[in-house]
C-alpha atoms as a PDB file:
ATOM      1  CA  MET A   1      -7.490  -8.788  40.580  1.00  0.00           C
ATOM      2  CA  GLU A   2      -5.478  -6.611  38.171  1.00  0.00           C
ATOM      3  CA  GLU A   3      -6.795  -3.435  39.814  1.00  0.00           C
ATOM      4  CA  SER A   4      -5.939  -4.816  43.254  1.00  0.00           C
ATOM      5  CA  LEU A   5      -2.383  -5.693  42.173  1.00  0.00           C
ATOM      6  CA  ASN A   6      -1.899  -2.233  40.671  1.00  0.00           C
ATOM      7  CA  LYS A   7      -3.022  -0.674  43.942  1.00  0.00           C
ATOM      8  CA  LYS A   8      -0.582  -2.810  45.930  1.00  0.00           C
ATOM      9  CA  GLN A   9       2.216  -1.977  43.496  1.00  0.00           C
ATOM     10  CA  LYS A  10       1.408   1.713  43.849  1.00  0.00           C
ATOM     11  CA  GLU A  11       1.605   1.509  47.639  1.00  0.00           C
ATOM     12  CA  LEU A  12       4.969  -0.258  47.502  1.00  0.00           C
ATOM     13  CA  SER A  13       6.430   2.148  44.942  1.00  0.00           C
ATOM     14  CA  SER A  14       5.346   5.257  46.830  1.00  0.00           C
ATOM     15  CA  ARG A  15       7.566   4.292  49.770  1.00  0.00           C
ATOM     16  CA  LEU A  16      10.557   4.120  47.439  1.00  0.00           C
ATOM     17  CA  TYR A  17      10.474   7.864  46.794  1.00  0.00           C
ATOM     18  CA  LYS A  18       9.147   9.044  50.159  1.00  0.00           C
ATOM     19  CA  PRO A  19      11.605  10.125  51.445  1.00  0.00           C
ATOM     20  CA  LEU A  20      13.984  10.738  48.544  1.00  0.00           C
ATOM     21  CA  ILE A  21      16.840  13.142  47.888  1.00  0.00           C
ATOM     22  CA  PHE A  22      17.667  13.809  44.252  1.00  0.00           C
ATOM     23  CA  TYR A  23      18.585  16.325  41.584  1.00  0.00           C
ATOM     24  CA  ILE A  24      18.087  16.638  37.842  1.00  0.00           C
ATOM     25  CA  PRO A  25      21.490  16.620  36.071  1.00  0.00           C
ATOM     26  CA  ARG A  26      21.696  19.484  33.619  1.00  0.00           C
ATOM     27  CA  LYS A  27      24.392  17.849  31.512  1.00  0.00           C
ATOM     28  CA  PHE A  28      21.945  15.301  30.117  1.00  0.00           C
ATOM     29  CA  TRP A  29      19.843  18.069  28.588  1.00  0.00           C
ATOM     30  CA  VAL A  30      22.886  20.047  27.459  1.00  0.00           C
ATOM     31  CA  GLU A  31      23.971  17.013  25.446  1.00  0.00           C
ATOM     32  CA  MET A  32      20.690  17.259  23.542  1.00  0.00           C
ATOM     33  CA  ASP A  33      20.462  21.035  23.158  1.00  0.00           C
ATOM     34  CA  GLY A  34      23.157  23.042  24.905  1.00  0.00           C
ATOM     35  CA  GLU A  35      22.046  26.415  23.542  1.00  0.00           C
ATOM     36  CA  LYS A  36      18.567  25.966  24.940  1.00  0.00           C
ATOM     37  CA  TRP A  37      19.161  24.301  28.302  1.00  0.00           C
ATOM     38  CA  ASN A  38      22.193  26.358  29.304  1.00  0.00           C
ATOM     39  CA  ASP A  39      19.934  29.408  29.488  1.00  0.00           C
ATOM     40  CA  LYS A  40      19.877  30.917  32.987  1.00  0.00           C
ATOM     41  CA  GLU A  41      16.098  30.579  32.912  1.00  0.00           C
ATOM     42  CA  PHE A  42      16.559  26.922  33.849  1.00  0.00           C
ATOM     43  CA  ASP A  43      19.147  27.370  36.620  1.00  0.00           C
ATOM     44  CA  ALA A  44      16.608  26.576  39.341  1.00  0.00           C
ATOM     45  CA  LEU A  45      15.442  23.457  37.525  1.00  0.00           C
ATOM     46  CA  PHE A  46      18.760  21.703  37.030  1.00  0.00           C
ATOM     47  CA  ASP A  47      21.447  20.640  39.515  1.00  0.00           C
ATOM     48  CA  THR A  48      19.245  21.690  42.425  1.00  0.00           C
ATOM     49  CA  VAL A  49      18.997  19.190  45.279  1.00  0.00           C
ATOM     50  CA  VAL A  50      15.371  18.386  46.107  1.00  0.00           C
ATOM     51  CA  LEU A  51      14.188  16.655  49.265  1.00  0.00           C
ATOM     52  CA  MET A  52      10.972  14.665  49.056  1.00  0.00           C
ATOM     53  CA  LYS A  53       9.710  14.029  52.592  1.00  0.00           C
ATOM     54  CA  THR A  54       7.805  11.009  53.858  1.00  0.00           C
ATOM     55  CA  ASP A  55       4.521  12.919  53.737  1.00  0.00           C
ATOM     56  CA  GLY A  56       5.013  13.667  50.036  1.00  0.00           C
ATOM     57  CA  SER A  57       5.902  17.336  50.443  1.00  0.00           C
ATOM     58  CA  ASN A  58       9.131  18.548  48.880  1.00  0.00           C
ATOM     59  CA  LYS A  59      11.466  21.514  48.745  1.00  0.00           C
ATOM     60  CA  ALA A  60      14.737  22.733  47.284  1.00  0.00           C
ATOM     61  CA  LEU A  61      17.190  21.669  49.974  1.00  0.00           C
ATOM     62  CA  GLN A  62      19.739  24.501  49.603  1.00  0.00           C
ATOM     63  CA  ASN A  63      22.147  22.684  51.963  1.00  0.00           C
ATOM     64  CA  GLY A  64      19.519  22.580  54.691  1.00  0.00           C
ATOM     65  CA  SER A  65      18.885  19.733  57.130  1.00  0.00           C
ATOM     66  CA  SER A  66      18.339  16.395  55.426  1.00  0.00           C
ATOM     67  CA  ASN A  67      19.954  13.570  57.424  1.00  0.00           C
ATOM     68  CA  TYR A  68      16.955  13.416  59.753  1.00  0.00           C
ATOM     69  CA  TYR A  69      14.642  12.575  56.863  1.00  0.00           C
ATOM     70  CA  LEU A  70      16.944  10.080  55.162  1.00  0.00           C
ATOM     71  CA  LEU A  71      17.512   8.181  58.405  1.00  0.00           C
ATOM     72  CA  SER A  72      13.903   7.007  58.057  1.00  0.00           C
ATOM     73  CA  LYS A  73      14.598   5.545  54.599  1.00  0.00           C
ATOM     74  CA  THR A  74      15.443   2.080  55.895  1.00  0.00           C
ATOM     75  CA  ALA A  75      12.308   1.992  58.025  1.00  0.00           C
ATOM     76  CA  GLU A  76      10.135   2.855  55.013  1.00  0.00           C
ATOM     77  CA  LEU A  77      11.770   0.142  52.930  1.00  0.00           C
ATOM     78  CA  ASP A  78      11.302  -2.330  55.778  1.00  0.00           C
ATOM     79  CA  ARG A  79       7.579  -1.546  55.676  1.00  0.00           C
ATOM     80  CA  ASN A  80       7.615  -2.812  52.108  1.00  0.00           C
ATOM     81  CA  ILE A  81       9.321  -6.015  53.224  1.00  0.00           C
ATOM     82  CA  TYR A  82       6.562  -6.634  55.765  1.00  0.00           C
ATOM     83  CA  ALA A  83       3.950  -5.872  53.089  1.00  0.00           C
ATOM     84  CA  LEU A  84       5.552  -8.329  50.665  1.00  0.00           C
ATOM     85  CA  LEU A  85       5.644 -11.052  53.317  1.00  0.00           C
ATOM     86  CA  GLU A  86       1.959 -10.515  53.986  1.00  0.00           C
ATOM     87  CA  MET A  87       1.106 -10.546  50.290  1.00  0.00           C
ATOM     88  CA  ARG A  88       3.030 -13.770  49.747  1.00  0.00           C
ATOM     89  CA  SER A  89       0.752 -15.502  52.255  1.00  0.00           C
ATOM     90  CA  LYS A  90      -2.421 -14.154  50.649  1.00  0.00           C
ATOM     91  CA  LEU A  91      -1.792 -14.116  46.892  1.00  0.00           C
ATOM     92  CA  ASP A  92      -1.463 -17.074  44.573  1.00  0.00           C
ATOM     93  CA  GLU A  93       2.090 -17.841  43.455  1.00  0.00           C
ATOM     94  CA  ASP A  94       1.807 -16.342  39.960  1.00  0.00           C
ATOM     95  CA  SER A  95       0.285 -13.097  41.198  1.00  0.00           C
ATOM     96  CA  PHE A  96       2.854 -12.692  43.930  1.00  0.00           C
ATOM     97  CA  GLN A  97       5.790 -13.402  41.620  1.00  0.00           C
ATOM     98  CA  PHE A  98       4.469 -10.859  39.133  1.00  0.00           C
ATOM     99  CA  LEU A  99       4.183  -8.241  41.871  1.00  0.00           C
ATOM    100  CA  ALA A 100       7.542  -9.092  43.445  1.00  0.00           C
ATOM    101  CA  LYS A 101       9.437  -8.970  40.140  1.00  0.00           C
ATOM    102  CA  LYS A 102       7.905  -5.651  39.198  1.00  0.00           C
ATOM    103  CA  TYR A 103       8.762  -4.224  42.612  1.00  0.00           C
ATOM    104  CA  CYS A 104      12.338  -5.486  42.328  1.00  0.00           C
ATOM    105  CA  LEU A 105      12.678  -3.695  38.999  1.00  0.00           C
ATOM    106  CA  ASP A 106      11.507  -0.503  40.695  1.00  0.00           C
ATOM    107  CA  VAL A 107      14.075  -0.963  43.453  1.00  0.00           C
ATOM    108  CA  ALA A 108      16.812  -1.725  40.938  1.00  0.00           C
ATOM    109  CA  PHE A 109      16.103   1.570  39.201  1.00  0.00           C
ATOM    110  CA  TYR A 110      16.317   3.572  42.438  1.00  0.00           C
ATOM    111  CA  LYS A 111      19.435   1.691  43.461  1.00  0.00           C
ATOM    112  CA  ARG A 112      21.068   2.515  40.139  1.00  0.00           C
ATOM    113  CA  VAL A 113      20.049   6.181  40.175  1.00  0.00           C
ATOM    114  CA  SER A 114      20.976   6.747  43.830  1.00  0.00           C
ATOM    115  CA  ALA A 115      24.452   5.298  43.236  1.00  0.00           C
ATOM    116  CA  TRP A 116      24.904   7.461  40.139  1.00  0.00           C
ATOM    117  CA  MET A 117      23.869  10.635  41.971  1.00  0.00           C
ATOM    118  CA  LEU A 118      26.275   9.955  44.845  1.00  0.00           C
ATOM    119  CA  ASP A 119      29.106   9.416  42.374  1.00  0.00           C
ATOM    120  CA  HIS A 120      28.382  12.634  40.451  1.00  0.00           C
ATOM    121  CA  ILE A 121      26.916  15.159  42.878  1.00  0.00           C
ATOM    122  CA  GLN A 122      30.240  16.750  43.798  1.00  0.00           C
ATOM    123  CA  GLU A 123      30.993  17.242  40.125  1.00  0.00           C
ATOM    124  CA  ASP A 124      27.526  18.575  39.277  1.00  0.00           C
ATOM    125  CA  ILE A 125      26.896  20.535  42.501  1.00  0.00           C
ATOM    126  CA  PRO A 126      30.312  21.529  43.947  1.00  0.00           C
ATOM    127  CA  ASP A 127      28.831  23.555  46.819  1.00  0.00           C
ATOM    128  CA  ALA A 128      26.856  20.629  48.281  1.00  0.00           C
ATOM    129  CA  ASN A 129      27.732  20.484  51.984  1.00  0.00           C
ATOM    130  CA  LYS A 130      28.747  17.455  54.049  1.00  0.00           C
ATOM    131  CA  GLU A 131      25.249  16.798  55.379  1.00  0.00           C
ATOM    132  CA  THR A 132      23.792  16.765  51.872  1.00  0.00           C
ATOM    133  CA  LEU A 133      26.503  14.378  50.677  1.00  0.00           C
ATOM    134  CA  LEU A 134      25.880  12.131  53.675  1.00  0.00           C
ATOM    135  CA  SER A 135      22.165  12.034  52.873  1.00  0.00           C
ATOM    136  CA  PHE A 136      22.916  10.804  49.357  1.00  0.00           C
ATOM    137  CA  GLU A 137      25.193   8.167  50.881  1.00  0.00           C
ATOM    138  CA  LEU A 138      22.545   7.085  53.401  1.00  0.00           C
ATOM    139  CA  GLN A 139      20.043   6.743  50.582  1.00  0.00           C
ATOM    140  CA  LYS A 140      22.400   4.697  48.420  1.00  0.00           C
ATOM    141  CA  THR A 141      23.198   2.349  51.311  1.00  0.00           C
ATOM    142  CA  ALA A 142      19.527   1.905  52.192  1.00  0.00           C
ATOM    143  CA  PHE A 143      18.629   0.923  48.624  1.00  0.00           C
ATOM    144  CA  GLU A 144      21.610  -1.427  48.347  1.00  0.00           C
ATOM    145  CA  ASN A 145      20.744  -3.230  51.592  1.00  0.00           C
ATOM    146  CA  HIS A 146      17.085  -3.440  50.565  1.00  0.00           C
ATOM    147  CA  TRP A 147      18.098  -4.839  47.181  1.00  0.00           C
ATOM    148  CA  GLU A 148      20.300  -7.515  48.732  1.00  0.00           C
ATOM    149  CA  TYR A 149      17.470  -8.659  51.007  1.00  0.00           C
ATOM    150  CA  LEU A 150      15.039  -8.858  48.101  1.00  0.00           C
ATOM    151  CA  GLN A 151      17.419 -11.025  46.069  1.00  0.00           C
ATOM    152  CA  LYS A 152      17.886 -13.462  48.940  1.00  0.00           C
ATOM    153  CA  HIS A 153      14.266 -13.786  50.011  1.00  0.00           C
ATOM    154  CA  PHE A 154      11.987 -12.921  47.086  1.00  0.00           C
ATOM    155  CA  VAL A 155      13.368 -12.799  43.540  1.00  0.00           C
ATOM    156  CA  PRO A 156      16.739 -14.241  42.422  1.00  0.00           C
ATOM    157  CA  SER A 157      19.034 -11.552  41.049  1.00  0.00           C
ATOM    158  CA  ALA A 158      19.536 -13.431  37.763  1.00  0.00           C
ATOM    159  CA  GLU A 159      15.884 -12.864  36.846  1.00  0.00           C
ATOM    160  CA  ILE A 160      16.131  -9.138  37.522  1.00  0.00           C
ATOM    161  CA  LYS A 161      19.529  -8.515  35.926  1.00  0.00           C
ATOM    162  CA  ARG A 162      18.162  -9.582  32.554  1.00  0.00           C
ATOM    163  CA  ASN A 163      15.973  -6.468  32.652  1.00  0.00           C
ATOM    164  CA  ILE A 164      18.511  -3.995  34.069  1.00  0.00           C
ATOM    165  CA  PRO A 165      20.970  -2.342  31.658  1.00  0.00           C
ATOM    166  CA  GLU A 166      24.573  -2.496  32.797  1.00  0.00           C
ATOM    167  CA  VAL A 167      25.361   0.994  31.510  1.00  0.00           C
ATOM    168  CA  ASN A 168      25.672   4.497  32.887  1.00  0.00           C
ATOM    169  CA  LEU A 169      22.624   6.701  33.069  1.00  0.00           C
ATOM    170  CA  THR A 170      21.839   8.754  29.987  1.00  0.00           C
ATOM    171  CA  ALA A 171      19.370  11.416  28.971  1.00  0.00           C
ATOM    172  CA  GLU A 172      16.906   8.640  28.129  1.00  0.00           C
ATOM    173  CA  ASP A 173      16.509   7.895  31.827  1.00  0.00           C
ATOM    174  CA  PHE A 174      15.241  11.443  32.344  1.00  0.00           C
ATOM    175  CA  GLU A 175      13.731  12.290  28.953  1.00  0.00           C
ATOM    176  CA  ILE A 176      10.240  12.962  30.335  1.00  0.00           C
ATOM    177  CA  ILE A 177      11.469  14.700  33.478  1.00  0.00           C
ATOM    178  CA  GLN A 178       9.389  17.750  32.533  1.00  0.00           C
ATOM    179  CA  ASP A 179       6.339  15.752  33.609  1.00  0.00           C
ATOM    180  CA  LEU A 180       7.911  15.491  37.047  1.00  0.00           C
ATOM    181  CA  VAL A 181       8.823  19.144  37.562  1.00  0.00           C
ATOM    182  CA  GLY A 182       6.349  20.907  35.300  1.00  0.00           C
ATOM    183  CA  ASN A 183       6.974  22.555  31.961  1.00  0.00           C
ATOM    184  CA  PRO A 184      10.025  24.835  32.321  1.00  0.00           C
ATOM    185  CA  LEU A 185       9.254  26.464  28.987  1.00  0.00           C
ATOM    186  CA  GLN A 186       6.431  28.343  30.713  1.00  0.00           C
ATOM    187  CA  SER A 187       8.639  29.805  33.402  1.00  0.00           C
ATOM    188  CA  LYS A 188       9.477  33.067  31.637  1.00  0.00           C
ATOM    189  CA  SER A 189       5.893  34.119  31.061  1.00  0.00           C
ATOM    190  CA  GLU A 190       4.849  33.002  34.536  1.00  0.00           C
ATOM    191  CA  ASN A 191       7.676  34.893  36.176  1.00  0.00           C
ATOM    192  CA  LYS A 192       6.626  38.101  34.460  1.00  0.00           C
ATOM    193  CA  ASN A 193       3.215  37.911  36.103  1.00  0.00           C
ATOM    194  CA  SER A 194       4.468  36.759  39.515  1.00  0.00           C
ATOM    195  CA  PRO A 195       5.999  38.703  42.436  1.00  0.00           C
ATOM    196  CA  LYS A 196       9.783  38.561  42.544  1.00  0.00           C
ATOM    197  CA  THR A 197       9.674  36.898  45.949  1.00  0.00           C
ATOM    198  CA  THR A 198       7.974  33.858  44.445  1.00  0.00           C
ATOM    199  CA  LYS A 199      11.085  32.993  42.453  1.00  0.00           C
ATOM    200  CA  LYS A 200      13.322  33.230  45.512  1.00  0.00           C
ATOM    201  CA  GLU A 201      11.261  30.966  47.751  1.00  0.00           C
ATOM    202  CA  LYS A 202      11.555  27.811  45.567  1.00  0.00           C
ATOM    203  CA  LYS A 203       9.273  25.874  47.890  1.00  0.00           C
ATOM    204  CA  ILE A 204       7.376  23.268  45.869  1.00  0.00           C
ATOM    205  CA  LEU A 205       9.306  22.025  42.849  1.00  0.00           C
ATOM    206  CA  ILE A 206       7.091  19.039  42.146  1.00  0.00           C
ATOM    207  CA  THR A 207       3.771  17.709  43.340  1.00  0.00           C
ATOM    208  CA  GLU A 208       3.372  14.281  44.847  1.00  0.00           C
ATOM    209  CA  GLU A 209       0.897  13.381  42.093  1.00  0.00           C
ATOM    210  CA  ALA A 210       3.307  14.450  39.350  1.00  0.00           C
ATOM    211  CA  ALA A 211       6.171  12.521  40.924  1.00  0.00           C
ATOM    212  CA  GLU A 212       4.041   9.430  41.292  1.00  0.00           C
ATOM    213  CA  LYS A 213       2.755   9.652  37.719  1.00  0.00           C
ATOM    214  CA  PHE A 214       6.275  10.096  36.322  1.00  0.00           C
ATOM    215  CA  LEU A 215       7.878   7.354  38.370  1.00  0.00           C
ATOM    216  CA  LEU A 216       5.150   4.771  37.873  1.00  0.00           C
ATOM    217  CA  GLU A 217       4.017   5.406  34.308  1.00  0.00           C
ATOM    218  CA  THR A 218       7.165   6.750  32.651  1.00  0.00           C
ATOM    219  CA  VAL A 219      10.083   5.061  34.379  1.00  0.00           C
ATOM    220  CA  PHE A 220       8.488   1.806  35.449  1.00  0.00           C
ATOM    221  CA  ASN A 221       5.815   1.474  32.737  1.00  0.00           C
ATOM    222  CA  VAL A 222       3.062   0.891  35.292  1.00  0.00           C
ATOM    223  CA  LYS A 223      -0.224   2.120  33.857  1.00  0.00           C
ATOM    224  CA  LEU A 224      -2.482   3.680  36.488  1.00  0.00           C
END
């Protein structure tokens, strides 16, 4: 039963970050070690908007098209609603409540992060264009609407709020972000042995497996 619940939780969580638009705020790392993380070596890692598509592929957005992908966000979240409704009819009450509460905590995290990124992206990435900003807004709205539905129909907000800190994001929310994007400390040696064009392309910043492992095990404490 535990393995089955973990599988269902994994399926629900994967739709939360596919699609997803995000960036890694450099200022959190600078607070910890400004001399190290302000090095130009890490320019491509921080404050770079990344678009994770529904199929799990991702790329550095570079002010490219993104609204098309984020317009499907609500539909993906609705798929989770249908899945939860089906699970409620098949699982015993304790199992379903465990699954629903854990999923709501996942959603609360994304809701919190998406709102923070929308509030700070113009400060952190001044050259973000209107379409990119709109995509962050679409994402924030989708998570907020999804959250409101969950509170009304699955888990009362009072039960979730006890587990959600009412504070701004800090470096602790991203402290193991290297697991998500790879080890940036290796970039200098790798670049020396790689063609210069590789650095310019910036195609795959993270793998779907790495993103899933980070989000489930690190952020949400779900052991795979």
